[in-house]
Amino acid sequence: MALGIGTAGLIAPGQPLSDGTARVLAERGLDVPAHRSRQLTAELVDGADLVVGMTREHVRSAVLMRPAAFGRSFTLRELVGRAHELGARPPEMALSDWLRAAHDGRTAAWYLRDEPTDDITDPLGRPIGAFRSLADELDALTGRLVDLVLAGAGGAGGGSGVAGEGGVERARPEDLFGP
């Protein structure tokens, strides 16, 4: 199972990484000076099997662009929590079916209110320790999500990695920040 991973956000396109982000990535062995922000568009939402936002604002923006994407759009914390409750995706289950199960019980009205426990705080303007904490949290959450979503697809292990067993390709951090 090959994965395509892309990043996009709500800030203007073409912005470089913040100094704190670049520093923490460099500390982790990643040098990504060419990375520039890409703005979320309806076309990107249409092309995504799964939309993951850091905050509810990100998810709401994606769903406003394409209301049909609500069932496959989650904050990272929310999706990891729902995935943990749901359990690992069985190998015979399509991702779209698993996401439908993860979406079960969610309502647009509930999602319109703010829920700070679902949001990941942006460290911009804070000390470097906030960027390091964010990197640790994202590594833990994405590793857990990969384990739950891809467990049945060939045995991906935890954390960031490159290639799992059984042909499952694991996303590498450098894949997220490429040109």
N, C-alpha and C. Protein backbone atom coordinates (compact mmCIF):
# COMPACT_ATOMS: atom_id res chain seq x y z
N MET A 1 0.86 -1.18 0.00
CA MET A 1 0.00 0.00 0.00
C MET A 1 0.89 1.23 0.00
N ALA A 2 0.88 1.99 -1.06
CA ALA A 2 1.66 3.21 -1.13
C ALA A 2 0.84 4.37 -0.58
N LEU A 3 1.51 5.27 0.10
CA LEU A 3 0.85 6.43 0.68
C LEU A 3 1.36 7.70 0.03
N GLY A 4 0.45 8.61 -0.22
CA GLY A 4 0.84 9.94 -0.65
C GLY A 4 0.46 10.90 0.46
N ILE A 5 1.39 11.69 0.91
CA ILE A 5 1.13 12.62 1.99
C ILE A 5 1.52 14.01 1.53
N GLY A 6 0.63 14.96 1.78
CA GLY A 6 0.92 16.34 1.44
C GLY A 6 0.51 17.23 2.58
N THR A 7 1.02 18.44 2.58
CA THR A 7 0.66 19.40 3.61
C THR A 7 0.09 20.65 2.94
N ALA A 8 -0.85 21.25 3.62
CA ALA A 8 -1.43 22.52 3.19
C ALA A 8 -2.05 23.15 4.43
N GLY A 9 -2.20 24.44 4.40
CA GLY A 9 -2.75 25.12 5.55
C GLY A 9 -3.54 26.34 5.17
N LEU A 10 -3.77 27.19 6.15
CA LEU A 10 -4.62 28.36 5.96
C LEU A 10 -3.83 29.64 5.75
N ILE A 11 -2.50 29.59 5.94
CA ILE A 11 -1.71 30.80 5.71
C ILE A 11 -1.43 30.96 4.22
N ALA A 12 -0.99 32.15 3.87
CA ALA A 12 -0.69 32.45 2.46
C ALA A 12 0.36 31.48 1.92
N PRO A 13 0.22 31.11 0.66
CA PRO A 13 1.20 30.20 0.07
C PRO A 13 2.57 30.87 -0.08
N GLY A 14 3.61 30.03 -0.11
CA GLY A 14 4.95 30.51 -0.37
C GLY A 14 5.74 30.94 0.85
N GLN A 15 5.17 30.77 2.05
CA GLN A 15 5.87 31.17 3.26
C GLN A 15 6.90 30.12 3.67
N PRO A 16 8.09 30.54 4.11
CA PRO A 16 9.08 29.56 4.58
C PRO A 16 8.70 29.03 5.96
N LEU A 17 9.36 27.97 6.38
CA LEU A 17 9.17 27.45 7.73
C LEU A 17 9.57 28.52 8.74
N SER A 18 8.93 28.50 9.90
CA SER A 18 9.35 29.40 10.96
C SER A 18 10.75 28.98 11.43
N ASP A 19 11.46 29.90 12.04
CA ASP A 19 12.80 29.59 12.53
C ASP A 19 12.76 28.43 13.53
N GLY A 20 11.77 28.45 14.42
CA GLY A 20 11.65 27.38 15.42
C GLY A 20 11.41 26.03 14.78
N THR A 21 10.54 25.98 13.79
CA THR A 21 10.26 24.72 13.10
C THR A 21 11.50 24.22 12.38
N ALA A 22 12.17 25.10 11.66
CA ALA A 22 13.38 24.70 10.94
C ALA A 22 14.45 24.20 11.91
N ARG A 23 14.59 24.86 13.04
CA ARG A 23 15.60 24.46 14.03
C ARG A 23 15.31 23.07 14.59
N VAL A 24 14.06 22.83 14.96
CA VAL A 24 13.71 21.52 15.54
C VAL A 24 13.83 20.42 14.49
N LEU A 25 13.44 20.69 13.26
CA LEU A 25 13.61 19.70 12.21
C LEU A 25 15.09 19.40 11.98
N ALA A 26 15.92 20.43 12.01
CA ALA A 26 17.37 20.24 11.85
C ALA A 26 17.92 19.40 13.00
N GLU A 27 17.45 19.63 14.21
CA GLU A 27 17.87 18.83 15.36
C GLU A 27 17.51 17.36 15.18
N ARG A 28 16.48 17.11 14.39
CA ARG A 28 16.03 15.74 14.12
C ARG A 28 16.62 15.21 12.81
N GLY A 29 17.57 15.92 12.28
CA GLY A 29 18.27 15.45 11.09
C GLY A 29 17.62 15.79 9.77
N LEU A 30 16.69 16.73 9.78
CA LEU A 30 15.99 17.11 8.56
C LEU A 30 16.34 18.53 8.17
N ASP A 31 16.83 18.70 6.97
CA ASP A 31 17.18 20.01 6.45
C ASP A 31 16.23 20.31 5.30
N VAL A 32 15.32 21.24 5.51
CA VAL A 32 14.27 21.48 4.51
C VAL A 32 14.16 22.97 4.15
N PRO A 33 15.26 23.57 3.72
CA PRO A 33 15.22 25.01 3.44
C PRO A 33 14.31 25.39 2.28
N ALA A 34 14.04 24.48 1.38
CA ALA A 34 13.23 24.80 0.20
C ALA A 34 11.73 24.73 0.48
N HIS A 35 11.33 24.22 1.64
CA HIS A 35 9.89 24.08 1.91
C HIS A 35 9.21 25.44 1.96
N ARG A 36 8.05 25.50 1.32
CA ARG A 36 7.21 26.69 1.37
C ARG A 36 5.78 26.24 1.62
N SER A 37 5.04 27.09 2.30
CA SER A 37 3.66 26.75 2.61
C SER A 37 2.83 26.64 1.34
N ARG A 38 1.80 25.81 1.45
CA ARG A 38 0.83 25.65 0.37
C ARG A 38 -0.54 25.87 0.98
N GLN A 39 -1.35 26.66 0.35
CA GLN A 39 -2.67 26.97 0.89
C GLN A 39 -3.66 25.86 0.55
N LEU A 40 -4.48 25.53 1.52
CA LEU A 40 -5.51 24.52 1.32
C LEU A 40 -6.50 25.00 0.26
N THR A 41 -6.84 24.11 -0.66
CA THR A 41 -7.81 24.44 -1.72
C THR A 41 -8.85 23.34 -1.79
N ALA A 42 -9.96 23.64 -2.44
CA ALA A 42 -11.01 22.65 -2.64
C ALA A 42 -10.48 21.45 -3.42
N GLU A 43 -9.59 21.70 -4.36
CA GLU A 43 -9.04 20.62 -5.17
C GLU A 43 -8.19 19.67 -4.31
N LEU A 44 -7.42 20.23 -3.38
CA LEU A 44 -6.64 19.38 -2.48
C LEU A 44 -7.55 18.54 -1.58
N VAL A 45 -8.62 19.15 -1.10
CA VAL A 45 -9.59 18.41 -0.27
C VAL A 45 -10.22 17.29 -1.11
N ASP A 46 -10.61 17.61 -2.34
CA ASP A 46 -11.21 16.59 -3.22
C ASP A 46 -10.29 15.40 -3.43
N GLY A 47 -8.99 15.67 -3.55
CA GLY A 47 -8.04 14.61 -3.86
C GLY A 47 -7.56 13.81 -2.66
N ALA A 48 -8.00 14.17 -1.47
CA ALA A 48 -7.52 13.50 -0.26
C ALA A 48 -8.48 12.41 0.19
N ASP A 49 -7.92 11.24 0.49
CA ASP A 49 -8.72 10.17 1.10
C ASP A 49 -9.00 10.49 2.57
N LEU A 50 -8.11 11.25 3.18
CA LEU A 50 -8.21 11.63 4.59
C LEU A 50 -7.66 13.03 4.74
N VAL A 51 -8.40 13.89 5.44
CA VAL A 51 -7.95 15.25 5.73
C VAL A 51 -7.72 15.33 7.23
N VAL A 52 -6.51 15.68 7.62
CA VAL A 52 -6.17 15.78 9.04
C VAL A 52 -5.71 17.20 9.33
N GLY A 53 -6.38 17.84 10.27
CA GLY A 53 -6.02 19.20 10.66
C GLY A 53 -5.44 19.22 12.06
N MET A 54 -4.69 20.25 12.35
CA MET A 54 -4.16 20.41 13.70
C MET A 54 -5.20 21.01 14.63
N THR A 55 -6.16 21.74 14.05
CA THR A 55 -7.21 22.38 14.86
C THR A 55 -8.56 22.17 14.19
N ARG A 56 -9.60 22.41 14.96
CA ARG A 56 -10.95 22.34 14.39
C ARG A 56 -11.13 23.40 13.31
N GLU A 57 -10.48 24.54 13.47
CA GLU A 57 -10.56 25.58 12.44
C GLU A 57 -10.08 25.04 11.10
N HIS A 58 -9.00 24.27 11.10
CA HIS A 58 -8.49 23.68 9.86
C HIS A 58 -9.53 22.74 9.25
N VAL A 59 -10.11 21.91 10.08
CA VAL A 59 -11.10 20.94 9.59
C VAL A 59 -12.34 21.67 9.07
N ARG A 60 -12.81 22.65 9.83
CA ARG A 60 -13.98 23.42 9.38
C ARG A 60 -13.71 24.08 8.03
N SER A 61 -12.51 24.61 7.85
CA SER A 61 -12.16 25.25 6.57
C SER A 61 -12.23 24.26 5.42
N ALA A 62 -11.70 23.06 5.64
CA ALA A 62 -11.74 22.04 4.59
C ALA A 62 -13.18 21.65 4.28
N VAL A 63 -13.99 21.50 5.32
CA VAL A 63 -15.37 21.06 5.13
C VAL A 63 -16.22 22.17 4.50
N LEU A 64 -15.92 23.42 4.81
CA LEU A 64 -16.63 24.52 4.16
C LEU A 64 -16.35 24.52 2.66
N MET A 65 -15.11 24.15 2.29
CA MET A 65 -14.77 24.08 0.87
C MET A 65 -15.49 22.92 0.19
N ARG A 66 -15.58 21.82 0.90
CA ARG A 66 -16.20 20.61 0.36
C ARG A 66 -16.97 19.90 1.47
N PRO A 67 -18.25 20.24 1.66
CA PRO A 67 -19.04 19.64 2.74
C PRO A 67 -19.02 18.11 2.76
N ALA A 68 -18.93 17.49 1.60
CA ALA A 68 -18.90 16.02 1.54
C ALA A 68 -17.65 15.44 2.20
N ALA A 69 -16.66 16.27 2.47
CA ALA A 69 -15.41 15.78 3.09
C ALA A 69 -15.51 15.64 4.60
N PHE A 70 -16.63 16.02 5.21
CA PHE A 70 -16.74 15.97 6.67
C PHE A 70 -16.45 14.57 7.22
N GLY A 71 -16.95 13.55 6.59
CA GLY A 71 -16.77 12.18 7.08
C GLY A 71 -15.35 11.66 7.01
N ARG A 72 -14.47 12.38 6.34
CA ARG A 72 -13.07 11.96 6.23
C ARG A 72 -12.12 13.07 6.65
N SER A 73 -12.64 14.02 7.45
CA SER A 73 -11.86 15.16 7.94
C SER A 73 -11.92 15.20 9.46
N PHE A 74 -10.76 15.18 10.09
CA PHE A 74 -10.66 15.12 11.54
C PHE A 74 -9.48 15.96 12.01
N THR A 75 -9.50 16.37 13.28
CA THR A 75 -8.25 16.86 13.85
C THR A 75 -7.41 15.63 14.16
N LEU A 76 -6.12 15.82 14.24
CA LEU A 76 -5.23 14.69 14.51
C LEU A 76 -5.55 14.05 15.85
N ARG A 77 -5.72 14.86 16.89
CA ARG A 77 -6.04 14.30 18.22
C ARG A 77 -7.37 13.56 18.19
N GLU A 78 -8.37 14.14 17.55
CA GLU A 78 -9.68 13.49 17.49
C GLU A 78 -9.58 12.15 16.76
N LEU A 79 -8.90 12.12 15.63
CA LEU A 79 -8.81 10.89 14.86
C LEU A 79 -8.05 9.81 15.61
N VAL A 80 -6.96 10.17 16.27
CA VAL A 80 -6.22 9.17 17.04
C VAL A 80 -7.09 8.62 18.17
N GLY A 81 -7.84 9.49 18.84
CA GLY A 81 -8.74 9.03 19.90
C GLY A 81 -9.83 8.12 19.37
N ARG A 82 -10.46 8.50 18.29
CA ARG A 82 -11.51 7.67 17.70
C ARG A 82 -10.93 6.36 17.16
N ALA A 83 -9.75 6.43 16.58
CA ALA A 83 -9.10 5.22 16.06
C ALA A 83 -8.77 4.26 17.19
N HIS A 84 -8.33 4.81 18.30
CA HIS A 84 -8.02 3.96 19.46
C HIS A 84 -9.28 3.24 19.94
N GLU A 85 -10.39 3.97 20.01
CA GLU A 85 -11.67 3.37 20.43
C GLU A 85 -12.16 2.34 19.41
N LEU A 86 -11.99 2.64 18.15
CA LEU A 86 -12.47 1.78 17.07
C LEU A 86 -11.60 0.53 16.91
N GLY A 87 -10.33 0.71 17.12
CA GLY A 87 -9.38 -0.39 16.93
C GLY A 87 -8.74 -0.31 15.56
N ALA A 88 -7.71 -1.09 15.39
CA ALA A 88 -6.94 -1.09 14.15
C ALA A 88 -7.82 -1.49 12.97
N ARG A 89 -7.53 -0.91 11.84
CA ARG A 89 -8.28 -1.22 10.62
C ARG A 89 -7.91 -2.63 10.17
N PRO A 90 -8.92 -3.51 10.06
CA PRO A 90 -8.64 -4.87 9.58
C PRO A 90 -8.13 -4.85 8.14
N PRO A 91 -7.31 -5.82 7.78
CA PRO A 91 -6.71 -5.82 6.43
C PRO A 91 -7.74 -5.84 5.31
N GLU A 92 -8.88 -6.44 5.56
CA GLU A 92 -9.90 -6.54 4.50
C GLU A 92 -10.79 -5.31 4.41
N MET A 93 -10.65 -4.37 5.35
CA MET A 93 -11.52 -3.20 5.37
C MET A 93 -10.88 -2.04 4.60
N ALA A 94 -11.64 -1.47 3.69
CA ALA A 94 -11.17 -0.30 2.94
C ALA A 94 -11.02 0.88 3.89
N LEU A 95 -10.06 1.74 3.61
CA LEU A 95 -9.85 2.92 4.44
C LEU A 95 -11.13 3.74 4.53
N SER A 96 -11.83 3.89 3.42
CA SER A 96 -13.06 4.70 3.43
C SER A 96 -14.10 4.12 4.37
N ASP A 97 -14.20 2.80 4.45
CA ASP A 97 -15.14 2.17 5.38
C ASP A 97 -14.72 2.39 6.83
N TRP A 98 -13.42 2.28 7.08
CA TRP A 98 -12.89 2.49 8.43
C TRP A 98 -13.12 3.93 8.86
N LEU A 99 -12.90 4.88 7.94
CA LEU A 99 -13.14 6.29 8.26
C LEU A 99 -14.62 6.56 8.53
N ARG A 100 -15.50 5.89 7.79
CA ARG A 100 -16.94 6.04 8.06
C ARG A 100 -17.25 5.59 9.48
N ALA A 101 -16.64 4.49 9.89
CA ALA A 101 -16.86 4.00 11.26
C ALA A 101 -16.28 4.99 12.28
N ALA A 102 -15.12 5.56 11.98
CA ALA A 102 -14.52 6.54 12.88
C ALA A 102 -15.38 7.81 12.96
N HIS A 103 -16.05 8.14 11.88
CA HIS A 103 -16.90 9.34 11.81
C HIS A 103 -18.24 9.13 12.52
N ASP A 104 -18.66 7.91 12.71
CA ASP A 104 -19.97 7.60 13.27
C ASP A 104 -20.23 8.39 14.57
N GLY A 105 -21.37 9.05 14.61
CA GLY A 105 -21.76 9.80 15.79
C GLY A 105 -21.35 11.27 15.79
N ARG A 106 -20.53 11.67 14.85
CA ARG A 106 -20.12 13.08 14.76
C ARG A 106 -21.23 13.87 14.08
N THR A 107 -21.43 15.10 14.52
CA THR A 107 -22.40 15.97 13.86
C THR A 107 -21.73 17.30 13.54
N ALA A 108 -22.19 17.93 12.49
CA ALA A 108 -21.64 19.23 12.12
C ALA A 108 -21.87 20.24 13.25
N ALA A 109 -23.03 20.19 13.88
CA ALA A 109 -23.32 21.14 14.96
C ALA A 109 -22.33 20.98 16.11
N TRP A 110 -22.01 19.76 16.48
CA TRP A 110 -21.04 19.51 17.55
C TRP A 110 -19.67 20.04 17.13
N TYR A 111 -19.34 19.88 15.87
CA TYR A 111 -18.02 20.25 15.39
C TYR A 111 -17.85 21.75 15.23
N LEU A 112 -18.93 22.50 15.20
CA LEU A 112 -18.84 23.95 15.05
C LEU A 112 -18.33 24.63 16.31
N ARG A 113 -18.54 24.02 17.45
CA ARG A 113 -18.05 24.65 18.67
C ARG A 113 -16.56 24.36 18.84
N ASP A 114 -15.91 25.20 19.59
CA ASP A 114 -14.49 24.98 19.86
C ASP A 114 -14.34 23.89 20.90
N GLU A 115 -13.32 23.09 20.76
CA GLU A 115 -13.00 22.03 21.71
C GLU A 115 -11.48 22.00 21.84
N PRO A 116 -10.95 22.75 22.82
CA PRO A 116 -9.49 22.88 22.93
C PRO A 116 -8.75 21.55 23.04
N THR A 117 -9.39 20.53 23.57
CA THR A 117 -8.69 19.24 23.69
C THR A 117 -8.45 18.60 22.33
N ASP A 118 -9.17 19.03 21.30
CA ASP A 118 -8.95 18.51 19.94
C ASP A 118 -7.85 19.27 19.21
N ASP A 119 -7.57 20.48 19.65
CA ASP A 119 -6.63 21.35 18.93
C ASP A 119 -5.19 21.16 19.40
N ILE A 120 -4.28 21.25 18.48
CA ILE A 120 -2.85 21.25 18.77
C ILE A 120 -2.39 22.70 18.68
N THR A 121 -1.79 23.19 19.74
CA THR A 121 -1.40 24.59 19.82
C THR A 121 -0.21 24.89 18.93
N ASP A 122 -0.33 25.95 18.17
CA ASP A 122 0.76 26.43 17.31
C ASP A 122 1.83 27.07 18.20
N PRO A 123 3.07 26.63 18.09
CA PRO A 123 4.11 27.19 18.96
C PRO A 123 4.69 28.52 18.48
N LEU A 124 4.22 29.04 17.36
CA LEU A 124 4.78 30.27 16.80
C LEU A 124 4.79 31.38 17.86
N GLY A 125 5.95 32.01 18.01
CA GLY A 125 6.11 33.09 18.97
C GLY A 125 6.46 32.62 20.37
N ARG A 126 6.56 31.32 20.57
CA ARG A 126 6.89 30.77 21.88
C ARG A 126 8.34 30.29 21.87
N PRO A 127 8.89 29.97 23.04
CA PRO A 127 10.28 29.49 23.11
C PRO A 127 10.47 28.18 22.34
N ILE A 128 11.72 27.87 22.02
CA ILE A 128 12.06 26.69 21.24
C ILE A 128 11.55 25.40 21.89
N GLY A 129 11.44 25.38 23.20
CA GLY A 129 10.92 24.19 23.89
C GLY A 129 9.50 23.85 23.44
N ALA A 130 8.71 24.85 23.10
CA ALA A 130 7.35 24.60 22.62
C ALA A 130 7.38 23.90 21.27
N PHE A 131 8.33 24.25 20.43
CA PHE A 131 8.48 23.59 19.13
C PHE A 131 8.93 22.14 19.32
N ARG A 132 9.84 21.92 20.27
CA ARG A 132 10.29 20.55 20.55
C ARG A 132 9.15 19.70 21.10
N SER A 133 8.37 20.27 22.00
CA SER A 133 7.22 19.55 22.55
C SER A 133 6.22 19.20 21.46
N LEU A 134 5.97 20.15 20.56
CA LEU A 134 5.07 19.90 19.45
C LEU A 134 5.59 18.77 18.57
N ALA A 135 6.88 18.80 18.25
CA ALA A 135 7.46 17.74 17.42
C ALA A 135 7.31 16.38 18.09
N ASP A 136 7.53 16.32 19.38
CA ASP A 136 7.37 15.05 20.12
C ASP A 136 5.91 14.58 20.07
N GLU A 137 4.99 15.52 20.29
CA GLU A 137 3.57 15.17 20.27
C GLU A 137 3.14 14.69 18.88
N LEU A 138 3.55 15.40 17.84
CA LEU A 138 3.19 15.00 16.48
C LEU A 138 3.77 13.64 16.13
N ASP A 139 5.00 13.38 16.55
CA ASP A 139 5.62 12.08 16.29
C ASP A 139 4.82 10.97 16.96
N ALA A 140 4.44 11.19 18.22
CA ALA A 140 3.67 10.17 18.95
C ALA A 140 2.29 9.95 18.33
N LEU A 141 1.59 11.05 18.03
CA LEU A 141 0.24 10.93 17.48
C LEU A 141 0.25 10.30 16.09
N THR A 142 1.14 10.76 15.23
CA THR A 142 1.16 10.20 13.87
C THR A 142 1.63 8.75 13.89
N GLY A 143 2.56 8.42 14.76
CA GLY A 143 2.99 7.03 14.88
C GLY A 143 1.85 6.13 15.31
N ARG A 144 1.08 6.58 16.28
CA ARG A 144 -0.07 5.80 16.76
C ARG A 144 -1.12 5.68 15.66
N LEU A 145 -1.36 6.76 14.94
CA LEU A 145 -2.35 6.72 13.86
C LEU A 145 -1.92 5.74 12.76
N VAL A 146 -0.66 5.79 12.37
CA VAL A 146 -0.16 4.87 11.36
C VAL A 146 -0.34 3.43 11.84
N ASP A 147 -0.03 3.16 13.09
CA ASP A 147 -0.21 1.81 13.63
C ASP A 147 -1.65 1.35 13.50
N LEU A 148 -2.60 2.24 13.79
CA LEU A 148 -4.01 1.86 13.78
C LEU A 148 -4.59 1.80 12.37
N VAL A 149 -4.17 2.68 11.50
CA VAL A 149 -4.73 2.71 10.15
C VAL A 149 -4.08 1.65 9.26
N LEU A 150 -2.78 1.45 9.43
CA LEU A 150 -2.06 0.53 8.53
C LEU A 150 -1.77 -0.83 9.15
N ALA A 151 -2.16 -1.05 10.38
CA ALA A 151 -1.83 -2.31 11.05
C ALA A 151 -2.26 -3.52 10.23
N GLY A 152 -3.43 -3.45 9.67
CA GLY A 152 -3.93 -4.57 8.88
C GLY A 152 -3.40 -4.62 7.47
N ALA A 153 -2.66 -3.59 7.09
CA ALA A 153 -2.19 -3.52 5.71
C ALA A 153 -0.76 -4.01 5.54
N GLY A 154 -0.18 -4.53 6.60
CA GLY A 154 1.15 -5.07 6.42
C GLY A 154 2.10 -4.84 7.56
N GLY A 155 1.61 -4.37 8.70
CA GLY A 155 2.46 -4.33 9.89
C GLY A 155 3.39 -3.16 10.00
N ALA A 156 2.88 -1.97 9.91
CA ALA A 156 3.72 -0.80 10.15
C ALA A 156 3.98 -0.67 11.63
N GLY A 157 5.17 -0.26 11.98
CA GLY A 157 5.52 -0.08 13.38
C GLY A 157 5.27 1.34 13.82
N GLY A 158 5.56 1.65 15.09
CA GLY A 158 5.28 2.97 15.66
C GLY A 158 6.29 4.01 15.26
N GLY A 159 5.92 5.26 15.43
CA GLY A 159 6.82 6.37 15.19
C GLY A 159 7.04 6.64 13.71
N SER A 160 7.92 7.55 13.42
CA SER A 160 8.24 7.87 12.04
C SER A 160 9.20 6.83 11.51
N GLY A 161 9.00 6.41 10.30
CA GLY A 161 9.89 5.42 9.74
C GLY A 161 9.91 5.52 8.24
N VAL A 162 10.54 4.55 7.60
CA VAL A 162 10.56 4.58 6.16
C VAL A 162 9.73 3.47 5.57
N ALA A 163 10.17 2.26 5.62
CA ALA A 163 9.38 1.21 5.00
C ALA A 163 9.00 0.16 6.03
N GLY A 164 7.72 -0.18 6.06
CA GLY A 164 7.26 -1.23 6.96
C GLY A 164 7.27 -2.56 6.23
N GLU A 165 6.92 -3.60 6.95
CA GLU A 165 6.88 -4.92 6.34
C GLU A 165 5.66 -5.04 5.45
N GLY A 166 5.67 -6.03 4.59
CA GLY A 166 4.51 -6.33 3.77
C GLY A 166 4.21 -5.29 2.71
N GLY A 167 5.19 -4.47 2.34
CA GLY A 167 4.97 -3.52 1.26
C GLY A 167 4.32 -2.23 1.70
N VAL A 168 4.10 -2.03 2.99
CA VAL A 168 3.50 -0.78 3.44
C VAL A 168 4.60 0.26 3.51
N GLU A 169 4.43 1.34 2.79
CA GLU A 169 5.41 2.40 2.85
C GLU A 169 5.02 3.38 3.93
N ARG A 170 5.95 3.66 4.80
CA ARG A 170 5.74 4.62 5.88
C ARG A 170 6.20 5.98 5.39
N ALA A 171 5.45 6.98 5.74
CA ALA A 171 5.84 8.34 5.37
C ALA A 171 7.06 8.76 6.20
N ARG A 172 7.97 9.44 5.55
CA ARG A 172 9.14 9.99 6.24
C ARG A 172 8.91 11.47 6.43
N PRO A 173 9.42 12.04 7.51
CA PRO A 173 9.23 13.48 7.72
C PRO A 173 9.68 14.31 6.54
N GLU A 174 10.75 13.90 5.88
CA GLU A 174 11.23 14.68 4.74
C GLU A 174 10.24 14.67 3.58
N ASP A 175 9.36 13.64 3.52
CA ASP A 175 8.33 13.60 2.49
C ASP A 175 7.31 14.73 2.68
N LEU A 176 7.11 15.11 3.93
CA LEU A 176 6.13 16.16 4.22
C LEU A 176 6.64 17.54 3.87
N PHE A 177 7.95 17.72 3.89
CA PHE A 177 8.51 19.04 3.70
C PHE A 177 9.32 19.19 2.43
N GLY A 178 9.10 18.31 1.49
CA GLY A 178 9.82 18.40 0.22
C GLY A 178 9.38 19.62 -0.56
N PRO A 179 10.04 19.90 -1.67
CA PRO A 179 9.70 21.09 -2.46
C PRO A 179 8.30 21.05 -3.02
